[in-house]
């Protein structure tokens, strides 16, 4: 499991890289983000959207292979 704390631009860059790298393998990877208001968002698209809106505090990437 990897947890990321970075700038908004850094988060967007990392999430876009994950999106390209994972391609069709999203089923084996879980991405969960925590918004600045404390709410949790799940899924790459939702986390990326919140990062672009500047609402993301951090996110976690976990592979089912690691668990």
PDB file of N, CA and C in Angstrom:
ATOM      1  N   UNK A   1       0.849  -1.167   0.000  1.00  0.00           N
ATOM      2  CA  UNK A   1       0.000   0.000   0.000  1.00  0.00           C
ATOM      3  C   UNK A   1       0.896   1.231   0.000  1.00  0.00           C
ATOM      4  N   UNK A   2       0.560   2.177  -0.847  1.00  0.00           N
ATOM      5  CA  UNK A   2       1.297   3.432  -0.930  1.00  0.00           C
ATOM      6  C   UNK A   2       0.357   4.577  -0.598  1.00  0.00           C
ATOM      7  N   UNK A   3       0.783   5.464   0.299  1.00  0.00           N
ATOM      8  CA  UNK A   3      -0.001   6.644   0.632  1.00  0.00           C
ATOM      9  C   UNK A   3       0.778   7.859   0.169  1.00  0.00           C
ATOM     10  N   UNK A   4       0.080   8.771  -0.503  1.00  0.00           N
ATOM     11  CA  UNK A   4       0.734   9.924  -1.102  1.00  0.00           C
ATOM     12  C   UNK A   4       0.251  11.222  -0.470  1.00  0.00           C
ATOM     13  N   UNK A   5       1.189  12.078  -0.084  1.00  0.00           N
ATOM     14  CA  UNK A   5       0.922  13.445   0.345  1.00  0.00           C
ATOM     15  C   UNK A   5       1.765  14.316  -0.575  1.00  0.00           C
ATOM     16  N   UNK A   6       1.138  15.161  -1.352  1.00  0.00           N
ATOM     17  CA  UNK A   6       1.863  15.943  -2.343  1.00  0.00           C
ATOM     18  C   UNK A   6       1.077  17.204  -2.666  1.00  0.00           C
ATOM     19  N   UNK A   7       1.601  17.995  -3.562  1.00  0.00           N
ATOM     20  CA  UNK A   7       0.861  19.163  -4.031  1.00  0.00           C
ATOM     21  C   UNK A   7      -0.281  18.695  -4.923  1.00  0.00           C
ATOM     22  N   UNK A   8      -1.197  19.586  -5.201  1.00  0.00           N
ATOM     23  CA  UNK A   8      -2.315  19.245  -6.083  1.00  0.00           C
ATOM     24  C   UNK A   8      -1.806  18.801  -7.446  1.00  0.00           C
ATOM     25  N   UNK A   9      -0.862  19.542  -8.000  1.00  0.00           N
ATOM     26  CA  UNK A   9      -0.322  19.187  -9.312  1.00  0.00           C
ATOM     27  C   UNK A   9       0.407  17.846  -9.253  1.00  0.00           C
ATOM     28  N   UNK A  10       1.125  17.592  -8.172  1.00  0.00           N
ATOM     29  CA  UNK A  10       1.812  16.313  -8.010  1.00  0.00           C
ATOM     30  C   UNK A  10       0.837  15.152  -7.937  1.00  0.00           C
ATOM     31  N   UNK A  11      -0.283  15.358  -7.245  1.00  0.00           N
ATOM     32  CA  UNK A  11      -1.305  14.315  -7.141  1.00  0.00           C
ATOM     33  C   UNK A  11      -1.924  14.030  -8.503  1.00  0.00           C
ATOM     34  N   UNK A  12      -2.245  15.077  -9.237  1.00  0.00           N
ATOM     35  CA  UNK A  12      -2.840  14.895 -10.569  1.00  0.00           C
ATOM     36  C   UNK A  12      -1.871  14.158 -11.482  1.00  0.00           C
ATOM     37  N   UNK A  13      -0.610  14.550 -11.441  1.00  0.00           N
ATOM     38  CA  UNK A  13       0.408  13.889 -12.264  1.00  0.00           C
ATOM     39  C   UNK A  13       0.518  12.411 -11.914  1.00  0.00           C
ATOM     40  N   UNK A  14       0.580  12.100 -10.621  1.00  0.00           N
ATOM     41  CA  UNK A  14       0.704  10.700 -10.187  1.00  0.00           C
ATOM     42  C   UNK A  14      -0.533   9.889 -10.557  1.00  0.00           C
ATOM     43  N   UNK A  15      -1.716  10.465 -10.371  1.00  0.00           N
ATOM     44  CA  UNK A  15      -2.952   9.754 -10.703  1.00  0.00           C
ATOM     45  C   UNK A  15      -3.067   9.501 -12.205  1.00  0.00           C
ATOM     46  N   UNK A  16      -2.662  10.469 -13.013  1.00  0.00           N
ATOM     47  CA  UNK A  16      -2.685  10.269 -14.468  1.00  0.00           C
ATOM     48  C   UNK A  16      -1.692   9.179 -14.868  1.00  0.00           C
ATOM     49  N   UNK A  17      -0.541   9.151 -14.217  1.00  0.00           N
ATOM     50  CA  UNK A  17       0.450   8.111 -14.493  1.00  0.00           C
ATOM     51  C   UNK A  17      -0.107   6.738 -14.111  1.00  0.00           C
ATOM     52  N   UNK A  18      -0.766   6.655 -12.956  1.00  0.00           N
ATOM     53  CA  UNK A  18      -1.393   5.399 -12.539  1.00  0.00           C
ATOM     54  C   UNK A  18      -2.453   4.961 -13.542  1.00  0.00           C
ATOM     55  N   UNK A  19      -3.233   5.912 -14.013  1.00  0.00           N
ATOM     56  CA  UNK A  19      -4.291   5.604 -14.975  1.00  0.00           C
ATOM     57  C   UNK A  19      -3.695   5.005 -16.249  1.00  0.00           C
ATOM     58  N   UNK A  20      -2.596   5.589 -16.724  1.00  0.00           N
ATOM     59  CA  UNK A  20      -1.932   5.065 -17.927  1.00  0.00           C
ATOM     60  C   UNK A  20      -1.298   3.704 -17.662  1.00  0.00           C
ATOM     61  N   UNK A  21      -0.616   3.563 -16.518  1.00  0.00           N
ATOM     62  CA  UNK A  21       0.080   2.312 -16.198  1.00  0.00           C
ATOM     63  C   UNK A  21      -0.881   1.155 -15.984  1.00  0.00           C
ATOM     64  N   UNK A  22      -1.974   1.425 -15.286  1.00  0.00           N
ATOM     65  CA  UNK A  22      -2.885   0.351 -14.923  1.00  0.00           C
ATOM     66  C   UNK A  22      -3.782  -0.069 -16.072  1.00  0.00           C
ATOM     67  N   UNK A  23      -4.162   0.866 -16.897  1.00  0.00           N
ATOM     68  CA  UNK A  23      -5.007   0.549 -18.039  1.00  0.00           C
ATOM     69  C   UNK A  23      -6.184  -0.321 -17.650  1.00  0.00           C
ATOM     70  N   UNK A  24      -6.211  -1.543 -18.136  1.00  0.00           N
ATOM     71  CA  UNK A  24      -7.305  -2.464 -17.852  1.00  0.00           C
ATOM     72  C   UNK A  24      -7.156  -3.205 -16.544  1.00  0.00           C
ATOM     73  N   UNK A  25      -6.071  -2.994 -15.830  1.00  0.00           N
ATOM     74  CA  UNK A  25      -5.821  -3.735 -14.591  1.00  0.00           C
ATOM     75  C   UNK A  25      -6.388  -3.034 -13.359  1.00  0.00           C
ATOM     76  N   UNK A  26      -7.328  -2.123 -13.549  1.00  0.00           N
ATOM     77  CA  UNK A  26      -7.886  -1.388 -12.415  1.00  0.00           C
ATOM     78  C   UNK A  26      -8.611  -2.294 -11.429  1.00  0.00           C
ATOM     79  N   UNK A  27      -9.036  -3.464 -11.880  1.00  0.00           N
ATOM     80  CA  UNK A  27      -9.751  -4.375 -10.993  1.00  0.00           C
ATOM     81  C   UNK A  27      -8.863  -4.859  -9.849  1.00  0.00           C
ATOM     82  N   UNK A  28      -7.560  -4.930 -10.067  1.00  0.00           N
ATOM     83  CA  UNK A  28      -6.658  -5.442  -9.037  1.00  0.00           C
ATOM     84  C   UNK A  28      -6.056  -4.331  -8.180  1.00  0.00           C
ATOM     85  N   UNK A  29      -6.437  -3.097  -8.436  1.00  0.00           N
ATOM     86  CA  UNK A  29      -5.889  -1.969  -7.694  1.00  0.00           C
ATOM     87  C   UNK A  29      -7.021  -1.135  -7.104  1.00  0.00           C
ATOM     88  N   UNK A  30      -6.856  -0.768  -5.844  1.00  0.00           N
ATOM     89  CA  UNK A  30      -7.830   0.078  -5.162  1.00  0.00           C
ATOM     90  C   UNK A  30      -7.186   1.424  -4.884  1.00  0.00           C
ATOM     91  N   UNK A  31      -7.880   2.475  -5.253  1.00  0.00           N
ATOM     92  CA  UNK A  31      -7.397   3.826  -4.980  1.00  0.00           C
ATOM     93  C   UNK A  31      -8.475   4.541  -4.177  1.00  0.00           C
ATOM     94  N   UNK A  32      -8.085   4.998  -3.001  1.00  0.00           N
ATOM     95  CA  UNK A  32      -9.012   5.680  -2.100  1.00  0.00           C
ATOM     96  C   UNK A  32      -8.383   7.007  -1.708  1.00  0.00           C
ATOM     97  N   UNK A  33      -9.176   8.059  -1.773  1.00  0.00           N
ATOM     98  CA  UNK A  33      -8.689   9.380  -1.401  1.00  0.00           C
ATOM     99  C   UNK A  33      -9.428   9.932  -0.203  1.00  0.00           C
ATOM    100  N   UNK A  34      -8.776  10.820   0.503  1.00  0.00           N
ATOM    101  CA  UNK A  34      -9.414  11.518   1.614  1.00  0.00           C
ATOM    102  C   UNK A  34      -9.450  12.996   1.255  1.00  0.00           C
ATOM    103  N   UNK A  35     -10.675  13.529   1.247  1.00  0.00           N
ATOM    104  CA  UNK A  35     -10.837  14.940   0.935  1.00  0.00           C
ATOM    105  C   UNK A  35     -10.434  15.791   2.131  1.00  0.00           C
ATOM    106  N   UNK A  36     -10.237  17.061   1.892  1.00  0.00           N
ATOM    107  CA  UNK A  36      -9.843  17.982   2.961  1.00  0.00           C
ATOM    108  C   UNK A  36     -10.919  18.126   4.025  1.00  0.00           C
ATOM    109  N   UNK A  37     -12.180  17.848   3.672  1.00  0.00           N
ATOM    110  CA  UNK A  37     -13.261  17.918   4.656  1.00  0.00           C
ATOM    111  C   UNK A  37     -13.432  16.605   5.421  1.00  0.00           C
ATOM    112  N   UNK A  38     -12.555  15.617   5.160  1.00  0.00           N
ATOM    113  CA  UNK A  38     -12.572  14.360   5.889  1.00  0.00           C
ATOM    114  C   UNK A  38     -13.326  13.235   5.211  1.00  0.00           C
ATOM    115  N   UNK A  39     -14.078  13.537   4.186  1.00  0.00           N
ATOM    116  CA  UNK A  39     -14.825  12.497   3.476  1.00  0.00           C
ATOM    117  C   UNK A  39     -13.888  11.643   2.639  1.00  0.00           C
ATOM    118  N   UNK A  40     -14.304  10.405   2.427  1.00  0.00           N
ATOM    119  CA  UNK A  40     -13.504   9.461   1.654  1.00  0.00           C
ATOM    120  C   UNK A  40     -14.124   9.285   0.271  1.00  0.00           C
ATOM    121  N   UNK A  41     -13.283   9.211  -0.749  1.00  0.00           N
ATOM    122  CA  UNK A  41     -13.743   8.944  -2.111  1.00  0.00           C
ATOM    123  C   UNK A  41     -12.990   7.725  -2.634  1.00  0.00           C
ATOM    124  N   UNK A  42     -13.692   6.891  -3.386  1.00  0.00           N
ATOM    125  CA  UNK A  42     -13.104   5.651  -3.887  1.00  0.00           C
ATOM    126  C   UNK A  42     -13.079   5.636  -5.406  1.00  0.00           C
ATOM    127  N   UNK A  43     -12.066   5.011  -5.936  1.00  0.00           N
ATOM    128  CA  UNK A  43     -11.950   4.855  -7.378  1.00  0.00           C
ATOM    129  C   UNK A  43     -11.060   5.916  -7.997  1.00  0.00           C
ATOM    130  N   UNK A  44     -10.350   5.510  -9.011  1.00  0.00           N
ATOM    131  CA  UNK A  44      -9.393   6.401  -9.661  1.00  0.00           C
ATOM    132  C   UNK A  44     -10.055   7.658 -10.209  1.00  0.00           C
ATOM    133  N   UNK A  45     -11.177   7.504 -10.892  1.00  0.00           N
ATOM    134  CA  UNK A  45     -11.835   8.664 -11.497  1.00  0.00           C
ATOM    135  C   UNK A  45     -12.298   9.665 -10.442  1.00  0.00           C
ATOM    136  N   UNK A  46     -12.898   9.177  -9.361  1.00  0.00           N
ATOM    137  CA  UNK A  46     -13.392  10.064  -8.299  1.00  0.00           C
ATOM    138  C   UNK A  46     -12.242  10.765  -7.588  1.00  0.00           C
ATOM    139  N   UNK A  47     -11.164  10.034  -7.336  1.00  0.00           N
ATOM    140  CA  UNK A  47     -10.002  10.625  -6.670  1.00  0.00           C
ATOM    141  C   UNK A  47      -9.362  11.671  -7.580  1.00  0.00           C
ATOM    142  N   UNK A  48      -9.248  11.353  -8.862  1.00  0.00           N
ATOM    143  CA  UNK A  48      -8.678  12.297  -9.823  1.00  0.00           C
ATOM    144  C   UNK A  48      -9.535  13.559  -9.926  1.00  0.00           C
ATOM    145  N   UNK A  49     -10.842  13.408  -9.969  1.00  0.00           N
ATOM    146  CA  UNK A  49     -11.744  14.560 -10.033  1.00  0.00           C
ATOM    147  C   UNK A  49     -11.571  15.457  -8.809  1.00  0.00           C
ATOM    148  N   UNK A  50     -11.505  14.856  -7.629  1.00  0.00           N
ATOM    149  CA  UNK A  50     -11.320  15.639  -6.407  1.00  0.00           C
ATOM    150  C   UNK A  50      -9.950  16.302  -6.359  1.00  0.00           C
ATOM    151  N   UNK A  51      -8.940  15.650  -6.905  1.00  0.00           N
ATOM    152  CA  UNK A  51      -7.607  16.261  -6.969  1.00  0.00           C
ATOM    153  C   UNK A  51      -7.635  17.479  -7.885  1.00  0.00           C
ATOM    154  N   UNK A  52      -8.293  17.341  -9.017  1.00  0.00           N
ATOM    155  CA  UNK A  52      -8.380  18.460  -9.962  1.00  0.00           C
ATOM    156  C   UNK A  52      -9.155  19.635  -9.374  1.00  0.00           C
ATOM    157  N   UNK A  53     -10.125  19.341  -8.502  1.00  0.00           N
ATOM    158  CA  UNK A  53     -10.910  20.397  -7.858  1.00  0.00           C
ATOM    159  C   UNK A  53     -10.204  20.993  -6.645  1.00  0.00           C
ATOM    160  N   UNK A  54      -9.041  20.446  -6.291  1.00  0.00           N
ATOM    161  CA  UNK A  54      -8.296  20.958  -5.151  1.00  0.00           C
ATOM    162  C   UNK A  54      -8.865  20.534  -3.812  1.00  0.00           C
ATOM    163  N   UNK A  55      -9.668  19.473  -3.794  1.00  0.00           N
ATOM    164  CA  UNK A  55     -10.323  19.034  -2.568  1.00  0.00           C
ATOM    165  C   UNK A  55      -9.647  17.835  -1.916  1.00  0.00           C
ATOM    166  N   UNK A  56      -8.601  17.307  -2.518  1.00  0.00           N
ATOM    167  CA  UNK A  56      -7.979  16.081  -2.034  1.00  0.00           C
ATOM    168  C   UNK A  56      -6.856  16.384  -1.046  1.00  0.00           C
ATOM    169  N   UNK A  57      -6.868  15.699   0.104  1.00  0.00           N
ATOM    170  CA  UNK A  57      -5.803  15.851   1.097  1.00  0.00           C
ATOM    171  C   UNK A  57      -4.717  14.801   0.882  1.00  0.00           C
ATOM    172  N   UNK A  58      -5.121  13.559   0.605  1.00  0.00           N
ATOM    173  CA  UNK A  58      -4.175  12.476   0.356  1.00  0.00           C
ATOM    174  C   UNK A  58      -4.909  11.351  -0.354  1.00  0.00           C
ATOM    175  N   UNK A  59      -4.139  10.390  -0.876  1.00  0.00           N
ATOM    176  CA  UNK A  59      -4.765   9.203  -1.440  1.00  0.00           C
ATOM    177  C   UNK A  59      -3.882   7.995  -1.215  1.00  0.00           C
ATOM    178  N   UNK A  60      -4.522   6.828  -1.251  1.00  0.00           N
ATOM    179  CA  UNK A  60      -3.850   5.560  -1.002  1.00  0.00           C
ATOM    180  C   UNK A  60      -4.075   4.659  -2.204  1.00  0.00           C
ATOM    181  N   UNK A  61      -3.015   3.985  -2.618  1.00  0.00           N
ATOM    182  CA  UNK A  61      -3.106   2.999  -3.693  1.00  0.00           C
ATOM    183  C   UNK A  61      -2.748   1.647  -3.100  1.00  0.00           C
ATOM    184  N   UNK A  62      -3.615   0.672  -3.267  1.00  0.00           N
ATOM    185  CA  UNK A  62      -3.341  -0.676  -2.770  1.00  0.00           C
ATOM    186  C   UNK A  62      -3.671  -1.682  -3.861  1.00  0.00           C
ATOM    187  N   UNK A  63      -2.808  -2.640  -4.031  1.00  0.00           N
ATOM    188  CA  UNK A  63      -3.022  -3.707  -4.993  1.00  0.00           C
ATOM    189  C   UNK A  63      -3.541  -4.921  -4.247  1.00  0.00           C
ATOM    190  N   UNK A  64      -4.457  -5.665  -4.847  1.00  0.00           N
ATOM    191  CA  UNK A  64      -4.968  -6.867  -4.191  1.00  0.00           C
ATOM    192  C   UNK A  64      -3.873  -7.910  -4.049  1.00  0.00           C
ATOM    193  N   UNK A  65      -2.839  -7.802  -4.857  1.00  0.00           N
ATOM    194  CA  UNK A  65      -1.707  -8.718  -4.758  1.00  0.00           C
ATOM    195  C   UNK A  65      -0.915  -8.463  -3.478  1.00  0.00           C
ATOM    196  N   UNK A  66      -0.951  -7.223  -2.964  1.00  0.00           N
ATOM    197  CA  UNK A  66      -0.194  -6.855  -1.768  1.00  0.00           C
ATOM    198  C   UNK A  66      -0.909  -7.259  -0.496  1.00  0.00           C
ATOM    199  N   UNK A  67      -2.235  -7.380  -0.547  1.00  0.00           N
ATOM    200  CA  UNK A  67      -3.020  -7.622   0.665  1.00  0.00           C
ATOM    201  C   UNK A  67      -2.979  -9.046   1.109  1.00  0.00           C
TER     202      UNK A  67
END
